[in-house]
Amino acid sequence: MRSDHAARLGLKALAHLENVGRAEESARPDNDEPAFRALALTAAVRQATASLVSSREAAGWYLTDLTGEMWRLHEWEAVFVRTQKLLVKPYRIEAPAQRLGYLGAAAMPLFMAMAATAWQYGYAPSPTALATATADRGGRMALVLQEP
């Protein structure tokens, strides 16, 4: 919720949503477009991380909906290489779908809950997290979350 509403209700922030990026990909599981180009996920990450770039900050935590599907892996690998300057070393990469199964639309809410809980209880690997998620129909999304 917005900071002014939280303050009015006496609520403490658990996480701060710094920025969001979204784009549409033409490569999908039902066509032959090459996923390794990763143009939409790259665009979404660049939109979401614009504030990090301008303030010369970096994320030390990458949350992804990566599964064992090869097209997702190719796409993620391309974006991962392109985001190296945005990741502080050592960084941690977490792919909860590999333990829980395909997350679908629950991916981003889960990542936000994971980050908020980790910051609340002091076990987060970084004060800044980059989260990415993909949809079979082409939607790509990225978020930058920060510890309050």
Protein backbone atom coordinates (compact mmCIF):
# COMPACT_ATOMS: atom_id res chain seq x y z
CA MET A 1 0.00 0.00 0.00
CA ARG A 2 1.06 3.60 -0.38
CA SER A 3 3.26 5.01 2.38
CA ASP A 4 0.75 7.70 3.38
CA HIS A 5 -2.01 5.10 3.88
CA ALA A 6 0.29 2.85 5.90
CA ALA A 7 1.32 5.78 8.13
CA ARG A 8 -2.31 6.80 8.66
CA LEU A 9 -3.13 3.23 9.76
CA GLY A 10 -0.01 2.91 11.92
CA LEU A 11 1.42 0.07 9.82
CA LYS A 12 5.13 -0.58 9.41
CA ALA A 13 6.48 -1.23 5.91
CA LEU A 14 7.76 -4.75 5.32
CA ALA A 15 9.15 -4.03 1.85
CA HIS A 16 9.36 -1.20 -0.64
CA LEU A 17 8.39 -1.70 -4.27
CA GLU A 18 10.96 0.45 -6.02
CA ASN A 19 10.00 -0.07 -9.64
CA VAL A 20 8.10 -2.33 -12.07
CA GLY A 21 8.79 -3.29 -15.67
CA ARG A 22 6.54 -5.12 -18.12
CA ALA A 23 6.77 -6.21 -21.76
CA GLU A 24 5.25 -8.73 -24.20
CA GLU A 25 7.35 -11.52 -25.75
CA SER A 26 6.64 -13.06 -29.13
CA ALA A 27 8.45 -16.32 -28.23
CA ARG A 28 6.06 -18.76 -26.56
CA PRO A 29 5.93 -22.51 -26.04
CA ASP A 30 3.42 -22.81 -28.92
CA ASN A 31 5.55 -21.20 -31.64
CA ASP A 32 9.06 -21.39 -33.10
CA GLU A 33 10.26 -17.90 -32.12
CA PRO A 34 13.72 -18.13 -30.46
CA ALA A 35 13.44 -17.69 -26.70
CA PHE A 36 17.16 -17.00 -26.29
CA ARG A 37 16.71 -13.47 -27.69
CA ALA A 38 14.72 -12.62 -24.51
CA LEU A 39 13.80 -9.16 -25.77
CA ALA A 40 10.72 -8.68 -23.60
CA LEU A 41 12.22 -9.95 -20.34
CA THR A 42 15.27 -7.78 -21.00
CA ALA A 43 13.03 -4.75 -21.59
CA ALA A 44 11.05 -5.45 -18.40
CA VAL A 45 14.26 -5.78 -16.35
CA ARG A 46 15.66 -2.56 -17.81
CA GLN A 47 12.46 -0.69 -16.95
CA ALA A 48 12.39 -2.06 -13.41
CA THR A 49 16.08 -1.42 -12.74
CA ALA A 50 16.28 2.09 -14.21
CA SER A 51 16.33 3.61 -10.72
CA LEU A 52 19.14 1.26 -9.65
CA VAL A 53 21.20 2.25 -12.67
CA SER A 54 20.65 5.98 -12.10
CA SER A 55 21.57 5.73 -8.40
CA ARG A 56 24.45 3.30 -9.08
CA GLU A 57 22.95 0.66 -6.84
CA ALA A 58 22.76 -3.08 -7.39
CA ALA A 59 20.68 -6.05 -6.26
CA GLY A 60 22.20 -8.93 -4.36
CA TRP A 61 19.18 -11.17 -4.63
CA TYR A 62 17.51 -12.46 -7.80
CA LEU A 63 14.14 -14.21 -7.49
CA THR A 64 12.95 -15.98 -10.62
CA ASP A 65 10.11 -18.26 -11.70
CA LEU A 66 12.61 -20.35 -13.65
CA THR A 67 11.55 -23.97 -14.04
CA GLY A 68 13.11 -26.89 -15.89
CA GLU A 69 11.57 -25.80 -19.21
CA MET A 70 14.34 -25.21 -21.73
CA TRP A 71 12.75 -22.16 -23.39
CA ARG A 72 12.52 -20.45 -19.99
CA LEU A 73 16.11 -21.40 -19.24
CA HIS A 74 17.38 -19.95 -22.55
CA GLU A 75 15.47 -16.73 -21.96
CA TRP A 76 16.64 -16.41 -18.35
CA GLU A 77 20.27 -17.11 -19.27
CA ALA A 78 20.24 -14.29 -21.83
CA VAL A 79 18.78 -11.85 -19.31
CA PHE A 80 21.12 -13.04 -16.54
CA VAL A 81 24.16 -12.26 -18.71
CA ARG A 82 22.71 -8.84 -19.57
CA THR A 83 22.08 -7.97 -15.89
CA GLN A 84 25.52 -8.71 -14.47
CA LYS A 85 26.23 -5.02 -13.84
CA LEU A 86 23.05 -4.84 -11.75
CA LEU A 87 24.03 -7.67 -9.42
CA VAL A 88 26.28 -7.14 -6.44
CA LYS A 89 28.68 -9.99 -5.74
CA PRO A 90 28.17 -12.31 -4.06
CA TYR A 91 24.55 -12.53 -5.12
CA ARG A 92 21.95 -15.19 -4.44
CA ILE A 93 19.60 -16.59 -7.07
CA GLU A 94 16.44 -18.32 -5.93
CA ALA A 95 14.03 -20.22 -8.16
CA PRO A 96 11.21 -21.41 -5.85
CA ALA A 97 9.35 -23.06 -8.74
CA GLN A 98 12.08 -25.70 -8.84
CA ARG A 99 11.01 -26.76 -5.35
CA LEU A 100 7.29 -25.91 -5.42
CA GLY A 101 6.33 -26.50 -9.05
CA TYR A 102 5.09 -24.07 -11.68
CA LEU A 103 3.95 -20.91 -9.91
CA GLY A 104 1.94 -19.18 -12.63
CA ALA A 105 0.33 -15.92 -11.55
CA ALA A 106 1.37 -16.56 -7.93
CA ALA A 107 5.07 -16.03 -8.72
CA MET A 108 5.32 -12.29 -8.05
CA PRO A 109 3.13 -12.28 -4.90
CA LEU A 110 5.23 -15.18 -3.58
CA PHE A 111 8.49 -13.32 -4.32
CA MET A 112 7.18 -10.21 -2.56
CA ALA A 113 6.13 -12.28 0.48
CA MET A 114 9.49 -14.08 0.54
CA ALA A 115 11.42 -10.81 0.43
CA ALA A 116 9.26 -9.07 3.03
CA THR A 117 9.49 -12.04 5.40
CA ALA A 118 13.25 -12.36 4.94
CA TRP A 119 13.77 -8.66 5.66
CA GLN A 120 11.39 -8.76 8.62
CA TYR A 121 13.25 -11.65 10.26
CA GLY A 122 16.77 -10.66 9.26
CA TYR A 123 17.80 -13.49 6.95
CA ALA A 124 17.61 -11.76 3.56
CA PRO A 125 20.83 -12.03 1.55
CA SER A 126 20.57 -8.42 0.32
CA PRO A 127 18.62 -5.22 0.98
CA THR A 128 17.67 -5.10 -2.73
CA ALA A 129 16.00 -7.84 -4.76
CA LEU A 130 15.28 -8.19 -8.46
CA ALA A 131 12.35 -10.46 -9.30
CA THR A 132 11.33 -11.70 -12.75
CA ALA A 133 8.40 -13.77 -13.96
CA THR A 134 7.16 -14.99 -17.33
CA ALA A 135 3.82 -16.16 -18.70
CA ASP A 136 3.27 -18.71 -21.46
CA ARG A 137 1.17 -16.18 -23.40
CA GLY A 138 4.07 -13.73 -23.61
CA GLY A 139 3.82 -11.42 -20.63
CA ARG A 140 7.12 -10.62 -18.92
CA MET A 141 7.49 -8.78 -15.65
CA ALA A 142 10.28 -7.53 -13.41
CA LEU A 143 10.21 -5.87 -9.99
CA VAL A 144 12.83 -4.24 -7.85
CA LEU A 145 12.09 -4.64 -4.15
CA GLN A 146 13.98 -3.00 -1.33
CA GLU A 147 14.22 -3.46 2.38
CA PRO A 148 12.27 -0.69 4.15
